All heavy atoms as atom14 arrays in JSON, in Angstrom:
{
  "sequence": "VQPTVVAGLPEDHPLMKHELFVPFLCMQSFRALDEAVTRA",
  "atom14_mask": [
    [1, 1, 1, 1, 1, 1, 1, 0, 0, 0, 0, 0, 0, 0],
    [1, 1, 1, 1, 1, 1, 1, 1, 1, 0, 0, 0, 0, 0],
    [1, 1, 1, 1, 1, 1, 1, 0, 0, 0, 0, 0, 0, 0],
    [1, 1, 1, 1, 1, 1, 1, 0, 0, 0, 0, 0, 0, 0],
    [1, 1, 1, 1, 1, 1, 1, 0, 0, 0, 0, 0, 0, 0],
    [1, 1, 1, 1, 1, 1, 1, 0, 0, 0, 0, 0, 0, 0],
    [1, 1, 1, 1, 1, 0, 0, 0, 0, 0, 0, 0, 0, 0],
    [1, 1, 1, 1, 0, 0, 0, 0, 0, 0, 0, 0, 0, 0],
    [1, 1, 1, 1, 1, 1, 1, 1, 0, 0, 0, 0, 0, 0],
    [1, 1, 1, 1, 1, 1, 1, 0, 0, 0, 0, 0, 0, 0],
    [1, 1, 1, 1, 1, 1, 1, 1, 1, 0, 0, 0, 0, 0],
    [1, 1, 1, 1, 1, 1, 1, 1, 0, 0, 0, 0, 0, 0],
    [1, 1, 1, 1, 1, 1, 1, 1, 1, 1, 0, 0, 0, 0],
    [1, 1, 1, 1, 1, 1, 1, 0, 0, 0, 0, 0, 0, 0],
    [1, 1, 1, 1, 1, 1, 1, 1, 0, 0, 0, 0, 0, 0],
    [1, 1, 1, 1, 1, 1, 1, 1, 0, 0, 0, 0, 0, 0],
    [1, 1, 1, 1, 1, 1, 1, 1, 1, 0, 0, 0, 0, 0],
    [1, 1, 1, 1, 1, 1, 1, 1, 1, 1, 0, 0, 0, 0],
    [1, 1, 1, 1, 1, 1, 1, 1, 1, 0, 0, 0, 0, 0],
    [1, 1, 1, 1, 1, 1, 1, 1, 0, 0, 0, 0, 0, 0],
    [1, 1, 1, 1, 1, 1, 1, 1, 1, 1, 1, 0, 0, 0],
    [1, 1, 1, 1, 1, 1, 1, 0, 0, 0, 0, 0, 0, 0],
    [1, 1, 1, 1, 1, 1, 1, 0, 0, 0, 0, 0, 0, 0],
    [1, 1, 1, 1, 1, 1, 1, 1, 1, 1, 1, 0, 0, 0],
    [1, 1, 1, 1, 1, 1, 1, 1, 0, 0, 0, 0, 0, 0],
    [1, 1, 1, 1, 1, 1, 0, 0, 0, 0, 0, 0, 0, 0],
    [1, 1, 1, 1, 1, 1, 1, 1, 0, 0, 0, 0, 0, 0],
    [1, 1, 1, 1, 1, 1, 1, 1, 1, 0, 0, 0, 0, 0],
    [1, 1, 1, 1, 1, 1, 0, 0, 0, 0, 0, 0, 0, 0],
    [1, 1, 1, 1, 1, 1, 1, 1, 1, 1, 1, 0, 0, 0],
    [1, 1, 1, 1, 1, 1, 1, 1, 1, 1, 1, 0, 0, 0],
    [1, 1, 1, 1, 1, 0, 0, 0, 0, 0, 0, 0, 0, 0],
    [1, 1, 1, 1, 1, 1, 1, 1, 0, 0, 0, 0, 0, 0],
    [1, 1, 1, 1, 1, 1, 1, 1, 0, 0, 0, 0, 0, 0],
    [1, 1, 1, 1, 1, 1, 1, 1, 1, 0, 0, 0, 0, 0],
    [1, 1, 1, 1, 1, 0, 0, 0, 0, 0, 0, 0, 0, 0],
    [1, 1, 1, 1, 1, 1, 1, 0, 0, 0, 0, 0, 0, 0],
    [1, 1, 1, 1, 1, 1, 1, 0, 0, 0, 0, 0, 0, 0],
    [1, 1, 1, 1, 1, 1, 1, 1, 1, 1, 1, 0, 0, 0],
    [1, 1, 1, 1, 1, 0, 0, 0, 0, 0, 0, 0, 0, 0]
  ],
  "atom14_positions": [
    [[2.68, -17.58, -9.59], [1.94, -16.35, -9.88], [2.93, -15.27, -10.29], [4.14, -15.39, -10.08], [1.11, -15.88, -8.66], [0.14, -16.96, -8.22], [2.03, -15.46, -7.5], [0.0, 0.0, 0.0], [0.0, 0.0, 0.0], [0.0, 0.0, 0.0], [0.0, 0.0, 0.0], [0.0, 0.0, 0.0], [0.0, 0.0, 0.0], [0.0, 0.0, 0.0]],
    [[2.41, -14.19, -10.84], [3.25, -13.07, -11.24], [3.48, -12.09, -10.09], [2.58, -11.88, -9.27], [2.6, -12.31, -12.4], [2.53, -13.07, -13.71], [1.85, -12.24, -14.78], [0.91, -11.49, -14.52], [2.34, -12.35, -16.02], [0.0, 0.0, 0.0], [0.0, 0.0, 0.0], [0.0, 0.0, 0.0], [0.0, 0.0, 0.0], [0.0, 0.0, 0.0]],
    [[4.65, -11.46, -10.04], [4.83, -10.35, -9.1], [3.87, -9.22, -9.49], [3.78, -8.87, -10.67], [6.29, -9.94, -9.29], [6.67, -10.47, -10.63], [5.85, -11.69, -10.87], [0.0, 0.0, 0.0], [0.0, 0.0, 0.0], [0.0, 0.0, 0.0], [0.0, 0.0, 0.0], [0.0, 0.0, 0.0], [0.0, 0.0, 0.0], [0.0, 0.0, 0.0]],
    [[3.17, -8.68, -8.51], [2.04, -7.79, -8.79], [2.19, -6.46, -8.07], [2.5, -6.42, -6.87], [0.72, -8.49, -8.41], [0.58, -9.65, -9.24], [-0.47, -7.58, -8.59], [0.0, 0.0, 0.0], [0.0, 0.0, 0.0], [0.0, 0.0, 0.0], [0.0, 0.0, 0.0], [0.0, 0.0, 0.0], [0.0, 0.0, 0.0], [0.0, 0.0, 0.0]],
    [[1.95, -5.38, -8.81], [1.94, -4.03, -8.26], [0.57, -3.42, -8.51], [0.07, -3.46, -9.65], [3.02, -3.14, -8.92], [3.01, -1.74, -8.29], [4.4, -3.78, -8.8], [0.0, 0.0, 0.0], [0.0, 0.0, 0.0], [0.0, 0.0, 0.0], [0.0, 0.0, 0.0], [0.0, 0.0, 0.0], [0.0, 0.0, 0.0], [0.0, 0.0, 0.0]],
    [[-0.04, -2.88, -7.45], [-1.37, -2.26, -7.61], [-1.33, -0.84, -7.05], [-0.45, -0.49, -6.25], [-2.47, -3.07, -6.89], [-2.47, -4.52, -7.36], [-2.34, -3.0, -5.38], [0.0, 0.0, 0.0], [0.0, 0.0, 0.0], [0.0, 0.0, 0.0], [0.0, 0.0, 0.0], [0.0, 0.0, 0.0], [0.0, 0.0, 0.0], [0.0, 0.0, 0.0]],
    [[-2.29, -0.04, -7.45], [-2.39, 1.35, -6.98], [-3.86, 1.73, -6.89], [-4.74, 1.01, -7.37], [-1.64, 2.3, -7.91], [0.0, 0.0, 0.0], [0.0, 0.0, 0.0], [0.0, 0.0, 0.0], [0.0, 0.0, 0.0], [0.0, 0.0, 0.0], [0.0, 0.0, 0.0], [0.0, 0.0, 0.0], [0.0, 0.0, 0.0], [0.0, 0.0, 0.0]],
    [[-4.12, 2.87, -6.25], [-5.48, 3.4, -6.22], [-6.35, 2.9, -5.11], [-7.56, 3.19, -5.09], [0.0, 0.0, 0.0], [0.0, 0.0, 0.0], [0.0, 0.0, 0.0], [0.0, 0.0, 0.0], [0.0, 0.0, 0.0], [0.0, 0.0, 0.0], [0.0, 0.0, 0.0], [0.0, 0.0, 0.0], [0.0, 0.0, 0.0], [0.0, 0.0, 0.0]],
    [[-5.79, 2.16, -4.15], [-6.59, 1.69, -3.02], [-6.5, 2.69, -1.88], [-5.44, 3.26, -1.62], [-6.08, 0.32, -2.54], [-6.23, -0.83, -3.53], [-5.53, -2.07, -2.99], [-7.7, -1.13, -3.8], [0.0, 0.0, 0.0], [0.0, 0.0, 0.0], [0.0, 0.0, 0.0], [0.0, 0.0, 0.0], [0.0, 0.0, 0.0], [0.0, 0.0, 0.0]],
    [[-7.6, 2.93, -1.16], [-7.56, 3.86, -0.02], [-6.75, 3.29, 1.13], [-6.55, 2.07, 1.24], [-9.04, 4.03, 0.35], [-9.71, 2.8, -0.17], [-8.96, 2.39, -1.4], [0.0, 0.0, 0.0], [0.0, 0.0, 0.0], [0.0, 0.0, 0.0], [0.0, 0.0, 0.0], [0.0, 0.0, 0.0], [0.0, 0.0, 0.0], [0.0, 0.0, 0.0]],
    [[-6.31, 4.18, 2.0], [-5.42, 3.79, 3.1], [-6.04, 2.73, 4.01], [-5.33, 1.87, 4.55], [-5.07, 5.03, 3.93], [-3.95, 4.81, 4.93], [-2.6, 4.59, 4.27], [-2.28, 5.34, 3.33], [-1.88, 3.69, 4.7], [0.0, 0.0, 0.0], [0.0, 0.0, 0.0], [0.0, 0.0, 0.0], [0.0, 0.0, 0.0], [0.0, 0.0, 0.0]],
    [[-7.36, 2.78, 4.19], [-8.01, 1.85, 5.12], [-8.52, 0.59, 4.43], [-9.25, -0.2, 5.03], [-9.16, 2.54, 5.85], [-10.24, 3.07, 4.9], [-10.03, 3.0, 3.66], [-11.28, 3.55, 5.39], [0.0, 0.0, 0.0], [0.0, 0.0, 0.0], [0.0, 0.0, 0.0], [0.0, 0.0, 0.0], [0.0, 0.0, 0.0], [0.0, 0.0, 0.0]],
    [[-8.14, 0.36, 3.18], [-8.6, -0.83, 2.47], [-7.95, -2.08, 3.07], [-6.78, -2.05, 3.48], [-8.24, -0.73, 0.98], [-8.93, -1.75, 0.13], [-8.48, -3.04, 0.01], [-10.05, -1.66, -0.64], [-9.29, -3.71, -0.79], [-10.25, -2.9, -1.2], [0.0, 0.0, 0.0], [0.0, 0.0, 0.0], [0.0, 0.0, 0.0], [0.0, 0.0, 0.0]],
    [[-8.68, -3.19, 3.15], [-8.11, -4.42, 3.73], [-6.8, -4.86, 3.09], [-5.92, -5.4, 3.78], [-9.21, -5.46, 3.51], [-10.47, -4.67, 3.49], [-10.12, -3.36, 2.84], [0.0, 0.0, 0.0], [0.0, 0.0, 0.0], [0.0, 0.0, 0.0], [0.0, 0.0, 0.0], [0.0, 0.0, 0.0], [0.0, 0.0, 0.0], [0.0, 0.0, 0.0]],
    [[-6.65, -4.64, 1.79], [-5.41, -5.05, 1.13], [-4.23, -4.18, 1.54], [-3.06, -4.57, 1.37], [-5.57, -5.0, -0.4], [-6.6, -5.98, -0.98], [-6.75, -5.77, -2.47], [-6.21, -7.43, -0.68], [0.0, 0.0, 0.0], [0.0, 0.0, 0.0], [0.0, 0.0, 0.0], [0.0, 0.0, 0.0], [0.0, 0.0, 0.0], [0.0, 0.0, 0.0]],
    [[-4.5, -3.02, 2.11], [-3.45, -2.16, 2.67], [-3.17, -2.5, 4.13], [-2.17, -2.03, 4.7], [-3.86, -0.69, 2.57], [-3.9, -0.11, 1.18], [-2.26, 0.17, 0.48], [-1.61, 1.45, 1.55], [0.0, 0.0, 0.0], [0.0, 0.0, 0.0], [0.0, 0.0, 0.0], [0.0, 0.0, 0.0], [0.0, 0.0, 0.0], [0.0, 0.0, 0.0]],
    [[-4.04, -3.27, 4.75], [-3.95, -3.52, 6.18], [-3.54, -4.95, 6.53], [-2.84, -5.18, 7.52], [-5.3, -3.23, 6.85], [-5.73, -1.77, 6.77], [-4.78, -0.89, 7.55], [-5.24, 0.55, 7.55], [-4.24, 1.43, 8.21], [0.0, 0.0, 0.0], [0.0, 0.0, 0.0], [0.0, 0.0, 0.0], [0.0, 0.0, 0.0], [0.0, 0.0, 0.0]],
    [[-4.01, -5.93, 5.76], [-3.84, -7.33, 6.13], [-2.58, -7.92, 5.5], [-2.3, -7.68, 4.32], [-5.05, -8.15, 5.7], [-6.32, -7.7, 6.34], [-7.57, -7.98, 5.83], [-6.54, -6.99, 7.48], [-8.5, -7.46, 6.6], [-7.9, -6.86, 7.62], [0.0, 0.0, 0.0], [0.0, 0.0, 0.0], [0.0, 0.0, 0.0], [0.0, 0.0, 0.0]],
    [[-1.86, -8.7, 6.29], [-0.7, -9.41, 5.74], [-1.21, -10.5, 4.8], [-2.01, -11.35, 5.18], [0.13, -10.03, 6.86], [1.4, -10.7, 6.34], [2.22, -11.34, 7.44], [1.63, -11.97, 8.34], [3.45, -11.22, 7.4], [0.0, 0.0, 0.0], [0.0, 0.0, 0.0], [0.0, 0.0, 0.0], [0.0, 0.0, 0.0], [0.0, 0.0, 0.0]],
    [[-0.72, -10.5, 3.56], [-1.19, -11.44, 2.55], [-0.23, -12.59, 2.32], [-0.63, -13.69, 1.95], [-1.43, -10.7, 1.22], [-2.41, -9.53, 1.27], [-2.47, -8.83, -0.09], [-3.8, -10.01, 1.69], [0.0, 0.0, 0.0], [0.0, 0.0, 0.0], [0.0, 0.0, 0.0], [0.0, 0.0, 0.0], [0.0, 0.0, 0.0], [0.0, 0.0, 0.0]],
    [[1.06, -12.36, 2.48], [2.1, -13.37, 2.28], [2.13, -13.89, 0.84], [2.33, -15.07, 0.58], [1.92, -14.53, 3.27], [3.14, -14.75, 4.13], [3.67, -13.72, 4.88], [3.76, -15.99, 4.2], [4.8, -13.91, 5.67], [4.89, -16.2, 4.99], [5.41, -15.15, 5.73], [0.0, 0.0, 0.0], [0.0, 0.0, 0.0], [0.0, 0.0, 0.0]],
    [[1.93, -12.99, -0.09], [2.02, -13.26, -1.52], [2.71, -12.07, -2.17], [2.82, -11.01, -1.56], [0.62, -13.49, -2.15], [-0.05, -14.73, -1.56], [-0.29, -12.27, -1.98], [0.0, 0.0, 0.0], [0.0, 0.0, 0.0], [0.0, 0.0, 0.0], [0.0, 0.0, 0.0], [0.0, 0.0, 0.0], [0.0, 0.0, 0.0], [0.0, 0.0, 0.0]],
    [[3.16, -12.18, -3.44], [3.87, -11.07, -4.08], [2.92, -9.99, -4.58], [2.63, -9.88, -5.77], [4.61, -11.77, -5.23], [3.73, -12.92, -5.58], [3.15, -13.39, -4.27], [0.0, 0.0, 0.0], [0.0, 0.0, 0.0], [0.0, 0.0, 0.0], [0.0, 0.0, 0.0], [0.0, 0.0, 0.0], [0.0, 0.0, 0.0], [0.0, 0.0, 0.0]],
    [[2.47, -9.15, -3.67], [1.4, -8.18, -3.94], [1.79, -6.87, -3.28], [1.77, -6.74, -2.05], [0.09, -8.73, -3.36], [-1.14, -7.97, -3.77], [-1.89, -8.39, -4.86], [-1.57, -6.87, -3.06], [-3.05, -7.72, -5.23], [-2.72, -6.19, -3.42], [-3.47, -6.62, -4.52], [0.0, 0.0, 0.0], [0.0, 0.0, 0.0], [0.0, 0.0, 0.0]],
    [[2.18, -5.89, -4.09], [2.69, -4.62, -3.58], [1.7, -3.5, -3.86], [1.31, -3.27, -5.01], [4.02, -4.3, -4.27], [4.68, -2.96, -3.94], [5.12, -2.93, -2.47], [5.87, -2.7, -4.87], [0.0, 0.0, 0.0], [0.0, 0.0, 0.0], [0.0, 0.0, 0.0], [0.0, 0.0, 0.0], [0.0, 0.0, 0.0], [0.0, 0.0, 0.0]],
    [[1.29, -2.79, -2.8], [0.36, -1.66, -2.92], [1.14, -0.35, -2.95], [1.94, -0.08, -2.04], [-0.61, -1.64, -1.73], [-1.66, -3.1, -1.6], [0.0, 0.0, 0.0], [0.0, 0.0, 0.0], [0.0, 0.0, 0.0], [0.0, 0.0, 0.0], [0.0, 0.0, 0.0], [0.0, 0.0, 0.0], [0.0, 0.0, 0.0], [0.0, 0.0, 0.0]],
    [[0.86, 0.47, -3.96], [1.58, 1.73, -4.13], [0.65, 2.91, -3.92], [-0.49, 2.92, -4.38], [2.17, 1.8, -5.55], [2.95, 3.06, -5.85], [3.65, 3.03, -7.53], [4.37, 4.67, -7.6], [0.0, 0.0, 0.0], [0.0, 0.0, 0.0], [0.0, 0.0, 0.0], [0.0, 0.0, 0.0], [0.0, 0.0, 0.0], [0.0, 0.0, 0.0]],
    [[1.15, 3.93, -3.18], [0.43, 5.19, -2.98], [1.42, 6.35, -3.08], [2.63, 6.14, -2.94], [-0.27, 5.22, -1.62], [-1.44, 4.28, -1.48], [-2.23, 4.56, -0.21], [-1.76, 5.23, 0.69], [-3.44, 4.04, -0.14], [0.0, 0.0, 0.0], [0.0, 0.0, 0.0], [0.0, 0.0, 0.0], [0.0, 0.0, 0.0], [0.0, 0.0, 0.0]],
    [[0.91, 7.55, -3.28], [1.78, 8.73, -3.33], [1.53, 9.6, -2.11], [0.53, 9.45, -1.41], [1.53, 9.52, -4.61], [0.22, 10.05, -4.62], [0.0, 0.0, 0.0], [0.0, 0.0, 0.0], [0.0, 0.0, 0.0], [0.0, 0.0, 0.0], [0.0, 0.0, 0.0], [0.0, 0.0, 0.0], [0.0, 0.0, 0.0], [0.0, 0.0, 0.0]],
    [[2.49, 10.51, -1.85], [2.35, 11.46, -0.73], [3.0, 12.78, -1.13], [3.79, 12.85, -2.07], [2.99, 10.89, 0.53], [4.5, 10.79, 0.47], [5.31, 11.84, 0.9], [5.12, 9.64, 0.0], [6.69, 11.76, 0.85], [6.51, 9.54, -0.06], [7.29, 10.6, 0.36], [0.0, 0.0, 0.0], [0.0, 0.0, 0.0], [0.0, 0.0, 0.0]],
    [[2.7, 13.83, -0.36], [3.25, 15.16, -0.65], [4.2, 15.66, 0.43], [5.02, 16.53, 0.17], [2.11, 16.16, -0.85], [1.3, 15.88, -2.12], [0.3, 16.97, -2.4], [-0.45, 16.7, -3.64], [-0.02, 17.03, -4.86], [1.15, 17.65, -5.01], [-0.75, 16.76, -5.92], [0.0, 0.0, 0.0], [0.0, 0.0, 0.0], [0.0, 0.0, 0.0]],
    [[4.11, 15.13, 1.65], [4.99, 15.57, 2.74], [5.49, 14.34, 3.49], [4.73, 13.39, 3.73], [4.25, 16.51, 3.69], [0.0, 0.0, 0.0], [0.0, 0.0, 0.0], [0.0, 0.0, 0.0], [0.0, 0.0, 0.0], [0.0, 0.0, 0.0], [0.0, 0.0, 0.0], [0.0, 0.0, 0.0], [0.0, 0.0, 0.0], [0.0, 0.0, 0.0]],
    [[6.77, 14.35, 3.86], [7.37, 13.18, 4.51], [6.68, 12.83, 5.82], [6.46, 11.65, 6.12], [8.86, 13.42, 4.73], [9.63, 12.26, 5.38], [9.46, 10.96, 4.6], [11.11, 12.62, 5.53], [0.0, 0.0, 0.0], [0.0, 0.0, 0.0], [0.0, 0.0, 0.0], [0.0, 0.0, 0.0], [0.0, 0.0, 0.0], [0.0, 0.0, 0.0]],
    [[6.34, 13.84, 6.62], [5.66, 13.55, 7.89], [4.36, 12.8, 7.64], [3.99, 11.9, 8.4], [5.37, 14.85, 8.64], [6.62, 15.46, 9.25], [7.63, 14.73, 9.37], [6.59, 16.65, 9.59], [0.0, 0.0, 0.0], [0.0, 0.0, 0.0], [0.0, 0.0, 0.0], [0.0, 0.0, 0.0], [0.0, 0.0, 0.0], [0.0, 0.0, 0.0]],
    [[3.66, 13.18, 6.58], [2.42, 12.49, 6.21], [2.72, 11.03, 5.85], [1.99, 10.12, 6.27], [1.79, 13.2, 5.01], [0.67, 12.43, 4.31], [0.5, 12.84, 2.86], [1.02, 13.9, 2.46], [-0.17, 12.09, 2.12], [0.0, 0.0, 0.0], [0.0, 0.0, 0.0], [0.0, 0.0, 0.0], [0.0, 0.0, 0.0], [0.0, 0.0, 0.0]],
    [[3.78, 10.8, 5.09], [4.13, 9.43, 4.68], [4.47, 8.56, 5.89], [4.06, 7.4, 5.98], [5.29, 9.45, 3.7], [0.0, 0.0, 0.0], [0.0, 0.0, 0.0], [0.0, 0.0, 0.0], [0.0, 0.0, 0.0], [0.0, 0.0, 0.0], [0.0, 0.0, 0.0], [0.0, 0.0, 0.0], [0.0, 0.0, 0.0], [0.0, 0.0, 0.0]],
    [[5.24, 9.12, 6.82], [5.61, 8.36, 8.02], [4.36, 8.02, 8.84], [4.21, 6.9, 9.34], [6.63, 9.15, 8.86], [6.87, 8.46, 10.21], [7.94, 9.3, 8.1], [0.0, 0.0, 0.0], [0.0, 0.0, 0.0], [0.0, 0.0, 0.0], [0.0, 0.0, 0.0], [0.0, 0.0, 0.0], [0.0, 0.0, 0.0], [0.0, 0.0, 0.0]],
    [[3.46, 8.99, 8.97], [2.22, 8.73, 9.71], [1.41, 7.62, 9.05], [0.9, 6.72, 9.73], [1.38, 10.02, 9.78], [2.11, 11.01, 10.5], [0.05, 9.76, 10.48], [0.0, 0.0, 0.0], [0.0, 0.0, 0.0], [0.0, 0.0, 0.0], [0.0, 0.0, 0.0], [0.0, 0.0, 0.0], [0.0, 0.0, 0.0], [0.0, 0.0, 0.0]],
    [[1.3, 7.66, 7.74], [0.53, 6.62, 7.04], [1.23, 5.27, 7.1], [0.59, 4.22, 7.24], [0.3, 7.05, 5.59], [-0.74, 8.17, 5.48], [-0.63, 8.93, 4.17], [-0.89, 8.07, 3.0], [-0.73, 8.47, 1.75], [-0.31, 9.71, 1.5], [-0.99, 7.65, 0.76], [0.0, 0.0, 0.0], [0.0, 0.0, 0.0], [0.0, 0.0, 0.0]],
    [[2.55, 5.28, 7.01], [3.3, 4.03, 7.13], [3.09, 3.39, 8.5], [3.01, 2.16, 8.63], [4.77, 4.28, 6.87], [0.0, 0.0, 0.0], [0.0, 0.0, 0.0], [0.0, 0.0, 0.0], [0.0, 0.0, 0.0], [0.0, 0.0, 0.0], [0.0, 0.0, 0.0], [0.0, 0.0, 0.0], [0.0, 0.0, 0.0], [0.0, 0.0, 0.0]]
  ]
}
């Protein structure tokens, strides 16, 4: 399969929560570091 990058999924989406064990990277943006750490 191809290495895959996706965006636009909400924080609580299953693809953001479940371990997939495939080359599938979810990208999101943030405005404050504390916010990013909390979401991470």
